[in-house]
């Protein structure tokens, strides 16, 4: 079975400045963009524990902290770093081309 790779434009680079979070939807996918120390990450937008919008959370060196129950997710691998979240976020590949950020879905 062939896996169809699709790159979609997420946003412009200046929409996710260092330390910022940006959420968007594409069809049925809800994706979080995060700029952690100058590196752009893309994960699921919705917390796996309680359906909270992670773009309204907090970004730190550890990852993104859910605003609802304060679970932290590692942006490299999506793994929750503390309870109550136990299920990892899906992580997406990112590429930057001419100051535009693309996500592989």
Protein backbone atom coordinates (compact mmCIF):
# COMPACT_ATOMS: atom_id res chain seq x y z
CA UNK A 1 0.00 0.00 0.00
CA UNK A 2 1.37 3.39 -0.97
CA UNK A 3 1.28 6.12 1.64
CA UNK A 4 0.16 9.39 0.10
CA UNK A 5 2.24 12.28 1.44
CA UNK A 6 0.61 15.67 1.45
CA UNK A 7 2.33 18.88 2.51
CA UNK A 8 -0.04 21.68 3.47
CA UNK A 9 0.79 25.30 4.20
CA UNK A 10 0.36 25.88 7.92
CA UNK A 11 1.26 29.55 8.25
CA UNK A 12 3.96 32.11 7.63
CA UNK A 13 7.12 31.91 9.72
CA UNK A 14 6.39 35.28 11.35
CA UNK A 15 3.08 33.90 12.71
CA UNK A 16 5.00 31.57 15.04
CA UNK A 17 7.72 33.66 16.62
CA UNK A 18 10.06 32.09 19.19
CA UNK A 19 8.13 31.03 22.28
CA UNK A 20 4.75 31.20 20.54
CA UNK A 21 2.01 28.69 19.78
CA UNK A 22 -0.29 28.73 16.74
CA UNK A 23 -3.23 26.43 16.08
CA UNK A 24 -5.01 25.80 12.80
CA UNK A 25 -7.34 23.33 11.11
CA UNK A 26 -7.08 21.64 7.74
CA UNK A 27 -10.13 19.55 6.82
CA UNK A 28 -10.56 17.28 9.87
CA UNK A 29 -7.01 17.78 11.22
CA UNK A 30 -6.35 20.22 14.05
CA UNK A 31 -2.65 21.04 14.27
CA UNK A 32 -0.50 22.97 16.75
CA UNK A 33 2.57 24.85 15.56
CA UNK A 34 5.13 25.69 18.25
CA UNK A 35 8.38 27.64 18.06
CA UNK A 36 10.59 26.26 20.82
CA UNK A 37 13.97 28.02 20.92
CA UNK A 38 13.81 28.75 17.18
CA UNK A 39 12.81 25.22 16.14
CA UNK A 40 9.36 24.77 14.62
CA UNK A 41 7.34 21.76 15.78
CA UNK A 42 3.93 20.45 14.70
CA UNK A 43 1.71 18.19 16.82
CA UNK A 44 -1.97 17.54 17.35
CA UNK A 45 -3.73 20.67 18.58
CA UNK A 46 -6.08 18.92 21.00
CA UNK A 47 -4.86 17.46 24.30
CA UNK A 48 -5.22 13.67 24.43
CA UNK A 49 -6.54 13.84 27.98
CA UNK A 50 -9.45 16.27 27.96
CA UNK A 51 -9.96 17.87 24.52
CA UNK A 52 -8.31 21.19 25.47
CA UNK A 53 -6.89 23.49 22.77
CA UNK A 54 -3.13 23.39 23.33
CA UNK A 55 -2.58 26.68 21.46
CA UNK A 56 -4.02 28.36 24.57
CA UNK A 57 -1.48 26.51 26.73
CA UNK A 58 2.05 27.39 27.78
CA UNK A 59 5.32 26.74 25.98
CA UNK A 60 8.44 25.93 28.00
CA UNK A 61 11.75 24.08 27.60
CA UNK A 62 9.93 20.85 28.53
CA UNK A 63 7.24 21.25 25.84
CA UNK A 64 3.68 22.49 25.63
CA UNK A 65 1.60 22.55 28.82
CA UNK A 66 -2.13 21.94 28.55
CA UNK A 67 -4.12 24.87 29.96
CA UNK A 68 -6.74 22.58 31.49
CA UNK A 69 -4.98 19.96 33.66
CA UNK A 70 -1.33 21.04 33.16
CA UNK A 71 0.05 17.92 31.46
CA UNK A 72 3.21 18.71 29.48
CA UNK A 73 3.83 17.14 26.06
CA UNK A 74 7.32 16.75 24.56
CA UNK A 75 7.29 18.47 21.15
CA UNK A 76 9.89 16.11 19.61
CA UNK A 77 7.96 12.89 20.19
CA UNK A 78 4.54 13.92 21.54
CA UNK A 79 5.01 11.95 24.77
CA UNK A 80 3.24 13.27 27.88
CA UNK A 81 5.73 14.17 30.61
CA UNK A 82 3.29 13.97 33.52
CA UNK A 83 -0.23 12.90 34.44
CA UNK A 84 -3.12 13.16 33.87
CA UNK A 85 -2.34 12.77 30.14
CA UNK A 86 -1.13 9.29 29.19
CA UNK A 87 -1.60 9.16 25.41
CA UNK A 88 1.01 10.90 23.21
CA UNK A 89 0.20 13.59 20.68
CA UNK A 90 0.76 12.79 17.01
CA UNK A 91 3.87 14.61 15.72
CA UNK A 92 4.07 15.91 12.14
CA UNK A 93 7.04 16.61 9.88
CA UNK A 94 7.68 20.30 9.19
CA UNK A 95 9.52 22.10 6.41
CA UNK A 96 10.14 25.79 5.83
CA UNK A 97 10.24 27.21 2.32
CA UNK A 98 10.56 30.95 1.62
CA UNK A 99 9.32 31.94 5.11
CA UNK A 100 6.28 29.68 4.84
CA UNK A 101 5.80 26.67 7.13
CA UNK A 102 4.47 23.42 5.69
CA UNK A 103 3.26 20.35 7.58
CA UNK A 104 3.16 16.79 6.26
CA UNK A 105 -0.21 15.18 6.91
